[in-house]
Structures are given as C-alpha cells and as structure tokens.
Amino acid sequence: VSTQSTWANLQKINEDLDKKYADLNEKIIEQEQIYSSAVNEEIKKEGTYKTQTVRLKREINTIDTQKEKEQKSNSELKKKLDFMKMQLEQKDSTITVSYTHVTKQTEGQVQKQVVQESTQHQQQYQQVDLIKEQANN
C-alpha cells in the first residue's frame, strides 16, 4: 500500500505541479506581451513627443528668424524716416530763411518806393505852389 500509493501520490503532485507550471508560464507570457505592448506604446509616445518637439523648435526658429527680419526692416524704415524728417526740417529751415530774406527785401523795396512817391508828390506840390505864386505875381 505504501509504495504504490506513495508513488501515485507523487505522480499526482508532479502532474499538479506541471499544470501549475504551465499556467504560470502562460501568465508570464501574457504579462510579457502586456509589458511589451506598454513599452511599444511608450516608444511611440516618445517618438511622437520627439517629433512634436523638433517641429515646435523649427516653428520657434522660423518665428525668431521672421522676428529678426521684421526688426531689421523696422530699423531700416526708422532710419529712412529719420533721414526724410531731417531733410524736411532742412527744407523748412531753408524756406523760412528764404521767406525772411524775401520779406525783408520786399519791405525795403516798398519803403524805397514810398519814399520815392512821397518825394515826387512833394516836388509836384512845390511845383503847384510855385505856379500859384507865379500866377499871383
């Protein structure tokens, strides 16, 4: 009884252990597949993240380059505007000086003309007075 039943018990235990080992092996394979899928998913996410990061860096560089060009262009426009303003101020100054010169010249000419006309009128009055005097004598 003892050897045969012990041998049968050992075989039963061995079969149970083989079944448990096979079940555990299946669970390990299943867990490895889940882990592998999770790792692959993380790799995809990391790849997507890296791709997005590279794309965003390119966009930032493009924006920075565009900003630099606009700043340079604005600086050049400001220089041109400052130069044009300076030219206008010079022209304004020249016009003011010319106007002042012409005004003074004109005033001088008008004064001369008034003095000449006044002198002529005085001469004419003197002639009239002289003629009156001669007529009275």
C-alpha atoms as a PDB file:
ATOM      1  CA  VAL A   1       0.000   0.000   0.000  1.00  0.00           C
ATOM      2  CA  SER A   2       2.605   2.442   0.939  1.00  0.00           C
ATOM      3  CA  THR A   3       4.998   2.282  -2.031  1.00  0.00           C
ATOM      4  CA  GLN A   4       2.370   2.166  -4.703  1.00  0.00           C
ATOM      5  CA  SER A   5       0.102   4.755  -3.127  1.00  0.00           C
ATOM      6  CA  THR A   6       3.084   6.989  -2.350  1.00  0.00           C
ATOM      7  CA  TRP A   7       4.219   6.658  -5.965  1.00  0.00           C
ATOM      8  CA  ALA A   8       0.706   7.503  -7.174  1.00  0.00           C
ATOM      9  CA  ASN A   9       0.570  10.486  -4.811  1.00  0.00           C
ATOM     10  CA  LEU A  10       3.971  11.701  -6.071  1.00  0.00           C
ATOM     11  CA  GLN A  11       2.798  11.370  -9.681  1.00  0.00           C
ATOM     12  CA  LYS A  12      -0.375  13.284  -8.848  1.00  0.00           C
ATOM     13  CA  ILE A  13       1.675  16.014  -7.129  1.00  0.00           C
ATOM     14  CA  ASN A  14       4.059  16.083 -10.116  1.00  0.00           C
ATOM     15  CA  GLU A  15       1.138  16.423 -12.570  1.00  0.00           C
ATOM     16  CA  ASP A  16      -0.384  19.215 -10.433  1.00  0.00           C
ATOM     17  CA  LEU A  17       2.983  20.985 -10.341  1.00  0.00           C
ATOM     18  CA  ASP A  18       3.356  20.574 -14.138  1.00  0.00           C
ATOM     19  CA  LYS A  19      -0.112  22.060 -14.626  1.00  0.00           C
ATOM     20  CA  LYS A  20       0.632  24.952 -12.236  1.00  0.00           C
ATOM     21  CA  TYR A  21       3.985  25.469 -14.002  1.00  0.00           C
ATOM     22  CA  ALA A  22       2.216  25.571 -17.412  1.00  0.00           C
ATOM     23  CA  ASP A  23      -0.406  28.003 -16.041  1.00  0.00           C
ATOM     24  CA  LEU A  24       2.317  30.239 -14.582  1.00  0.00           C
ATOM     25  CA  ASN A  25       4.217  30.075 -17.856  1.00  0.00           C
ATOM     26  CA  GLU A  26       1.089  31.216 -19.735  1.00  0.00           C
ATOM     27  CA  LYS A  27       0.591  34.080 -17.273  1.00  0.00           C
ATOM     28  CA  ILE A  28       4.266  35.079 -17.649  1.00  0.00           C
ATOM     29  CA  ILE A  29       3.928  35.077 -21.451  1.00  0.00           C
ATOM     30  CA  GLU A  30       0.696  37.077 -21.156  1.00  0.00           C
ATOM     31  CA  GLN A  31       2.370  39.602 -18.785  1.00  0.00           C
ATOM     32  CA  GLU A  32       5.381  39.856 -21.134  1.00  0.00           C
ATOM     33  CA  GLN A  33       3.027  40.649 -24.021  1.00  0.00           C
ATOM     34  CA  ILE A  34       1.238  43.314 -21.943  1.00  0.00           C
ATOM     35  CA  TYR A  35       4.616  44.752 -20.884  1.00  0.00           C
ATOM     36  CA  SER A  36       5.900  44.653 -24.465  1.00  0.00           C
ATOM     37  CA  SER A  37       2.761  46.433 -25.698  1.00  0.00           C
ATOM     38  CA  ALA A  38       3.129  49.063 -22.980  1.00  0.00           C
ATOM     39  CA  VAL A  39       6.806  49.567 -23.857  1.00  0.00           C
ATOM     40  CA  ASN A  40       5.945  49.858 -27.563  1.00  0.00           C
ATOM     41  CA  GLU A  41       3.203  52.358 -26.720  1.00  0.00           C
ATOM     42  CA  GLU A  42       5.672  54.421 -24.659  1.00  0.00           C
ATOM     43  CA  ILE A  43       8.193  54.273 -27.501  1.00  0.00           C
ATOM     44  CA  LYS A  44       5.515  55.538 -29.887  1.00  0.00           C
ATOM     45  CA  LYS A  45       4.613  58.327 -27.441  1.00  0.00           C
ATOM     46  CA  GLU A  46       8.281  59.241 -27.055  1.00  0.00           C
ATOM     47  CA  GLY A  47       8.695  59.254 -30.841  1.00  0.00           C
ATOM     48  CA  THR A  48       5.613  61.442 -31.185  1.00  0.00           C
ATOM     49  CA  TYR A  49       6.918  63.704 -28.429  1.00  0.00           C
ATOM     50  CA  LYS A  50      10.328  63.978 -30.114  1.00  0.00           C
ATOM     51  CA  THR A  51       8.711  64.651 -33.487  1.00  0.00           C
ATOM     52  CA  GLN A  52       6.492  67.349 -31.955  1.00  0.00           C
ATOM     53  CA  THR A  53       9.468  68.827 -30.109  1.00  0.00           C
ATOM     54  CA  VAL A  54      11.520  69.009 -33.323  1.00  0.00           C
ATOM     55  CA  ARG A  55       8.563  70.542 -35.189  1.00  0.00           C
ATOM     56  CA  LEU A  56       7.960  73.106 -32.437  1.00  0.00           C
ATOM     57  CA  LYS A  57      11.676  74.002 -32.342  1.00  0.00           C
ATOM     58  CA  ARG A  58      11.569  74.547 -36.120  1.00  0.00           C
ATOM     59  CA  GLU A  59       8.488  76.736 -35.768  1.00  0.00           C
ATOM     60  CA  ILE A  60      10.165  78.735 -32.986  1.00  0.00           C
ATOM     61  CA  ASN A  61      13.292  79.184 -35.143  1.00  0.00           C
ATOM     62  CA  THR A  62      11.134  80.289 -38.080  1.00  0.00           C
ATOM     63  CA  ILE A  63       9.296  82.782 -35.870  1.00  0.00           C
ATOM     64  CA  ASP A  64      12.587  84.047 -34.393  1.00  0.00           C
ATOM     65  CA  THR A  65      14.071  84.472 -37.887  1.00  0.00           C
ATOM     66  CA  GLN A  66      10.940  86.281 -39.072  1.00  0.00           C
ATOM     67  CA  LYS A  67      11.018  88.483 -35.961  1.00  0.00           C
ATOM     68  CA  GLU A  68      14.683  89.369 -36.601  1.00  0.00           C
ATOM     69  CA  LYS A  69      13.901  90.243 -40.235  1.00  0.00           C
ATOM     70  CA  GLU A  70      10.968  92.425 -39.159  1.00  0.00           C
ATOM     71  CA  GLN A  71      13.097  94.171 -36.531  1.00  0.00           C
ATOM     72  CA  LYS A  72      15.840  94.783 -39.126  1.00  0.00           C
ATOM     73  CA  SER A  73      13.262  96.032 -41.616  1.00  0.00           C
ATOM     74  CA  ASN A  74      11.681  98.273 -38.964  1.00  0.00           C
ATOM     75  CA  SER A  75      15.108  99.607 -38.048  1.00  0.00           C
ATOM     76  CA  GLU A  76      15.860 100.392 -41.709  1.00  0.00           C
ATOM     77  CA  LEU A  77      12.455 102.062 -42.118  1.00  0.00           C
ATOM     78  CA  LYS A  78      13.060 104.126 -38.980  1.00  0.00           C
ATOM     79  CA  LYS A  79      16.440 105.245 -40.354  1.00  0.00           C
ATOM     80  CA  LYS A  80      14.813 106.223 -43.665  1.00  0.00           C
ATOM     81  CA  LEU A  81      12.034 108.097 -41.867  1.00  0.00           C
ATOM     82  CA  ASP A  82      14.548 109.890 -39.631  1.00  0.00           C
ATOM     83  CA  PHE A  83      16.562 110.873 -42.728  1.00  0.00           C
ATOM     84  CA  MET A  84      13.426 112.127 -44.521  1.00  0.00           C
ATOM     85  CA  LYS A  85      12.414 114.075 -41.394  1.00  0.00           C
ATOM     86  CA  MET A  86      15.874 115.662 -41.256  1.00  0.00           C
ATOM     87  CA  GLN A  87      15.614 116.599 -44.959  1.00  0.00           C
ATOM     88  CA  LEU A  88      12.181 118.118 -44.387  1.00  0.00           C
ATOM     89  CA  GLU A  89      13.478 120.083 -41.402  1.00  0.00           C
ATOM     90  CA  GLN A  90      16.375 121.369 -43.540  1.00  0.00           C
ATOM     91  CA  LYS A  91      13.973 122.348 -46.335  1.00  0.00           C
ATOM     92  CA  ASP A  92      11.668 124.015 -43.798  1.00  0.00           C
ATOM     93  CA  SER A  93      14.616 125.924 -42.376  1.00  0.00           C
ATOM     94  CA  THR A  94      15.737 126.961 -45.891  1.00  0.00           C
ATOM     95  CA  ILE A  95      12.212 128.080 -46.794  1.00  0.00           C
ATOM     96  CA  THR A  96      11.967 130.106 -43.548  1.00  0.00           C
ATOM     97  CA  VAL A  97      15.329 131.789 -44.219  1.00  0.00           C
ATOM     98  CA  SER A  98      14.355 132.467 -47.866  1.00  0.00           C
ATOM     99  CA  TYR A  99      10.951 133.828 -46.816  1.00  0.00           C
ATOM    100  CA  THR A 100      12.564 136.080 -44.223  1.00  0.00           C
ATOM    101  CA  HIS A 101      15.105 137.298 -46.812  1.00  0.00           C
ATOM    102  CA  VAL A 102      12.417 137.927 -49.472  1.00  0.00           C
ATOM    103  CA  THR A 103      10.179 139.651 -46.901  1.00  0.00           C
ATOM    104  CA  LYS A 104      12.971 141.984 -45.807  1.00  0.00           C
ATOM    105  CA  GLN A 105      13.894 142.688 -49.449  1.00  0.00           C
ATOM    106  CA  THR A 106      10.271 143.396 -50.303  1.00  0.00           C
ATOM    107  CA  GLU A 107       9.841 145.640 -47.240  1.00  0.00           C
ATOM    108  CA  GLY A 108      12.973 147.539 -48.285  1.00  0.00           C
ATOM    109  CA  GLN A 109      11.710 147.941 -51.859  1.00  0.00           C
ATOM    110  CA  VAL A 110       8.282 149.083 -50.676  1.00  0.00           C
ATOM    111  CA  GLN A 111       9.879 151.641 -48.316  1.00  0.00           C
ATOM    112  CA  LYS A 112      12.061 152.950 -51.185  1.00  0.00           C
ATOM    113  CA  GLN A 113       9.029 153.156 -53.450  1.00  0.00           C
ATOM    114  CA  VAL A 114       7.018 155.018 -50.763  1.00  0.00           C
ATOM    115  CA  VAL A 115       9.904 157.439 -50.208  1.00  0.00           C
ATOM    116  CA  GLN A 116      10.242 157.989 -53.989  1.00  0.00           C
ATOM    117  CA  GLU A 117       6.499 158.532 -54.423  1.00  0.00           C
ATOM    118  CA  SER A 118       6.430 160.819 -51.394  1.00  0.00           C
ATOM    119  CA  THR A 119       9.358 162.811 -52.802  1.00  0.00           C
ATOM    120  CA  GLN A 120       7.633 163.034 -56.205  1.00  0.00           C
ATOM    121  CA  HIS A 121       4.427 164.227 -54.550  1.00  0.00           C
ATOM    122  CA  GLN A 122       6.344 166.854 -52.581  1.00  0.00           C
ATOM    123  CA  GLN A 123       8.021 168.018 -55.788  1.00  0.00           C
ATOM    124  CA  GLN A 124       4.650 168.175 -57.526  1.00  0.00           C
ATOM    125  CA  TYR A 125       3.193 170.213 -54.603  1.00  0.00           C
ATOM    126  CA  GLN A 126       6.203 172.511 -54.740  1.00  0.00           C
ATOM    127  CA  GLN A 127       5.692 172.978 -58.494  1.00  0.00           C
ATOM    128  CA  VAL A 128       1.999 173.675 -57.906  1.00  0.00           C
ATOM    129  CA  ASP A 129       2.902 176.189 -55.165  1.00  0.00           C
ATOM    130  CA  LEU A 130       5.480 177.789 -57.469  1.00  0.00           C
ATOM    131  CA  ILE A 131       2.935 178.051 -60.317  1.00  0.00           C
ATOM    132  CA  LYS A 132       0.363 179.578 -57.894  1.00  0.00           C
ATOM    133  CA  GLU A 133       2.943 182.047 -56.700  1.00  0.00           C
ATOM    134  CA  GLN A 134       3.863 182.991 -60.239  1.00  0.00           C
ATOM    135  CA  ALA A 135       0.218 183.345 -61.112  1.00  0.00           C
ATOM    136  CA  ASN A 136      -0.391 185.650 -58.143  1.00  0.00           C
ATOM    137  CA  ASN A 137       2.538 187.889 -59.087  1.00  0.00           C
END
